[in-house]
Amino acid sequence: MRTFRHLSPIGGCIEVWIGTIREKIGRVVFALFLAIIMSSCQYDEIVPVAPELGEDEVLFSQDIVPIFESSCNRSSCHGEWVPPILVPEHAYNNLINENFIDKNTPENSELYQWMIGNRARPMPLSGPNAEYNAKILTWIQQGAKNN
């Protein structure tokens, strides 16, 4: 609550006016401070570069399913409720039928885009994994076979 000394009418108006100006300046300074703090919290996440896998065939059952088992299903994220369901007995059909795989342009496959962080936070949630990303991309480039 603001109290004023008994001043002349003009002096009282000036005091109120100065108090109002101080409040406005304080609000502007506080808003600028918040804007600076909020903008400094932004960062770019760097996804590691995928290693070259060479000419070896990447097998869905031996190379891809273990990625899902260790990183996607164990946390219950894609085990039963969140599409695509990646449990071994349903993973391949769900990826193909729900259009997570683009055999024509493998780099644009939804699965790969999610894993490298172009759709939101990179998958798995533990962070990007260059080896996993390379295996997934190579498997799709090799035709995304159910082998």
Protein backbone atom coordinates (compact mmCIF):
# COMPACT_ATOMS: atom_id res chain seq x y z
CA MET A 1 0.00 0.00 0.00
CA ARG A 2 1.35 3.38 -1.03
CA THR A 3 1.35 6.33 1.34
CA PHE A 4 2.00 9.90 0.32
CA ARG A 5 3.26 12.79 2.26
CA HIS A 6 1.15 15.85 2.29
CA LEU A 7 2.47 17.89 -0.57
CA SER A 8 1.01 20.52 -2.74
CA PRO A 9 -1.36 19.17 -5.41
CA ILE A 10 1.33 19.56 -8.07
CA GLY A 11 4.02 17.91 -5.96
CA GLY A 12 1.70 15.00 -5.18
CA CYS A 13 0.93 14.45 -8.87
CA ILE A 14 4.61 14.44 -9.72
CA GLU A 15 5.32 11.93 -6.96
CA VAL A 16 2.57 9.61 -8.24
CA TRP A 17 3.79 10.04 -11.81
CA ILE A 18 7.39 9.21 -10.83
CA GLY A 19 6.21 6.15 -8.87
CA THR A 20 4.24 4.93 -11.91
CA ILE A 21 7.24 5.42 -14.19
CA ARG A 22 9.48 3.46 -11.76
CA GLU A 23 6.98 0.57 -11.70
CA LYS A 24 6.79 0.47 -15.51
CA ILE A 25 10.56 0.58 -15.86
CA GLY A 26 10.85 -2.21 -13.27
CA ARG A 27 8.40 -4.36 -15.21
CA VAL A 28 10.23 -3.76 -18.50
CA VAL A 29 13.61 -4.59 -16.93
CA PHE A 30 12.16 -7.74 -15.39
CA ALA A 31 10.61 -8.79 -18.72
CA LEU A 32 13.94 -8.24 -20.50
CA PHE A 33 15.73 -10.23 -17.83
CA LEU A 34 13.30 -13.15 -18.28
CA ALA A 35 13.64 -12.99 -22.07
CA ILE A 36 17.44 -13.16 -21.82
CA ILE A 37 17.32 -16.07 -19.38
CA MET A 38 14.80 -18.01 -21.46
CA SER A 39 16.72 -17.56 -24.70
CA SER A 40 19.96 -18.73 -23.11
CA CYS A 41 18.39 -22.10 -22.19
CA GLN A 42 18.20 -23.20 -25.82
CA TYR A 43 20.71 -25.68 -27.19
CA ASP A 44 21.20 -27.80 -30.26
CA GLU A 45 21.54 -31.52 -29.74
CA ILE A 46 24.30 -33.01 -31.83
CA VAL A 47 23.53 -36.47 -33.17
CA PRO A 48 26.68 -38.56 -33.56
CA VAL A 49 27.75 -39.41 -37.10
CA ALA A 50 26.77 -42.93 -38.13
CA PRO A 51 29.67 -45.32 -38.76
CA GLU A 52 29.97 -47.07 -42.11
CA LEU A 53 28.77 -50.67 -41.92
CA GLY A 54 30.36 -51.86 -45.14
CA GLU A 55 28.85 -54.48 -47.42
CA ASP A 56 27.51 -56.84 -44.74
CA GLU A 57 23.81 -57.53 -44.87
CA VAL A 58 21.90 -56.17 -41.89
CA LEU A 59 19.41 -58.78 -40.68
CA PHE A 60 16.12 -57.74 -39.11
CA SER A 61 16.07 -60.62 -36.62
CA GLN A 62 19.74 -60.44 -35.60
CA ASP A 63 20.59 -56.74 -35.94
CA ILE A 64 17.38 -54.68 -35.74
CA VAL A 65 15.19 -56.57 -33.25
CA PRO A 66 17.93 -56.48 -30.56
CA ILE A 67 17.99 -52.67 -30.87
CA PHE A 68 14.26 -52.57 -30.20
CA GLU A 69 14.56 -55.06 -27.35
CA SER A 70 17.32 -53.17 -25.55
CA SER A 71 16.16 -49.61 -26.15
CA CYS A 72 12.48 -49.45 -27.07
CA ASN A 73 10.59 -52.33 -25.49
CA ARG A 74 12.40 -52.60 -22.18
CA SER A 75 11.15 -49.18 -21.10
CA SER A 76 7.60 -50.19 -22.16
CA CYS A 77 7.47 -47.30 -24.60
CA HIS A 78 6.89 -49.32 -27.75
CA GLY A 79 6.16 -52.65 -26.13
CA GLU A 80 2.38 -52.49 -26.00
CA TRP A 81 0.88 -49.02 -26.11
CA VAL A 82 2.82 -46.49 -28.17
CA PRO A 83 3.01 -47.03 -31.96
CA PRO A 84 4.89 -48.58 -33.53
CA ILE A 85 4.68 -51.69 -31.38
CA LEU A 86 8.19 -53.11 -31.57
CA VAL A 87 7.97 -56.43 -29.76
CA PRO A 88 9.69 -59.09 -31.90
CA GLU A 89 6.54 -60.87 -33.06
CA HIS A 90 4.89 -57.64 -34.31
CA ALA A 91 7.72 -55.21 -35.06
CA TYR A 92 8.23 -55.86 -38.76
CA ASN A 93 4.54 -55.80 -39.70
CA ASN A 94 3.90 -52.67 -37.64
CA LEU A 95 6.83 -50.81 -39.18
CA ILE A 96 5.77 -51.69 -42.72
CA ASN A 97 1.97 -51.43 -42.34
CA GLU A 98 2.07 -48.17 -40.37
CA ASN A 99 4.40 -46.52 -42.93
CA PHE A 100 7.43 -46.11 -40.69
CA ILE A 101 9.63 -47.42 -43.53
CA ASP A 102 10.19 -45.68 -46.88
CA LYS A 103 12.10 -48.10 -49.11
CA ASN A 104 12.29 -45.56 -51.97
CA THR A 105 14.01 -42.87 -49.90
CA PRO A 106 15.35 -44.61 -46.78
CA GLU A 107 16.66 -41.37 -45.25
CA ASN A 108 13.05 -40.10 -45.10
CA SER A 109 11.72 -43.16 -43.27
CA GLU A 110 9.77 -42.16 -40.18
CA LEU A 111 11.67 -44.70 -38.06
CA TYR A 112 15.02 -43.24 -39.09
CA GLN A 113 13.81 -39.64 -38.76
CA TRP A 114 12.64 -40.31 -35.20
CA MET A 115 15.91 -42.01 -34.30
CA ILE A 116 18.05 -39.09 -35.48
CA GLY A 117 15.84 -36.50 -33.79
CA ASN A 118 14.17 -34.85 -36.78
CA ARG A 119 10.65 -35.50 -35.48
CA ALA A 120 11.18 -34.63 -31.82
CA ARG A 121 13.63 -35.85 -29.24
CA PRO A 122 15.90 -38.55 -30.70
CA MET A 123 14.96 -42.16 -30.04
CA PRO A 124 15.83 -44.00 -27.95
CA LEU A 125 15.15 -41.56 -25.12
CA SER A 126 18.54 -42.35 -23.61
CA GLY A 127 20.00 -40.35 -26.49
CA PRO A 128 21.03 -40.77 -30.10
CA ASN A 129 23.08 -43.81 -30.92
CA ALA A 130 25.14 -43.58 -34.10
CA GLU A 131 25.58 -47.35 -34.39
CA TYR A 132 21.83 -48.00 -34.06
CA ASN A 133 21.05 -45.26 -36.58
CA ALA A 134 23.55 -46.69 -39.08
CA LYS A 135 22.10 -50.21 -38.74
CA ILE A 136 18.53 -49.00 -39.18
CA LEU A 137 19.40 -46.89 -42.22
CA THR A 138 21.47 -49.67 -43.82
CA TRP A 139 18.68 -52.21 -43.23
CA ILE A 140 16.18 -49.90 -44.94
CA GLN A 141 18.61 -49.18 -47.81
CA GLN A 142 19.01 -52.96 -48.28
CA GLY A 143 15.26 -53.26 -48.81
CA ALA A 144 13.96 -53.56 -45.22
CA LYS A 145 13.66 -57.33 -45.48
CA ASN A 146 12.02 -59.50 -42.84
CA ASN A 147 15.08 -61.72 -42.48
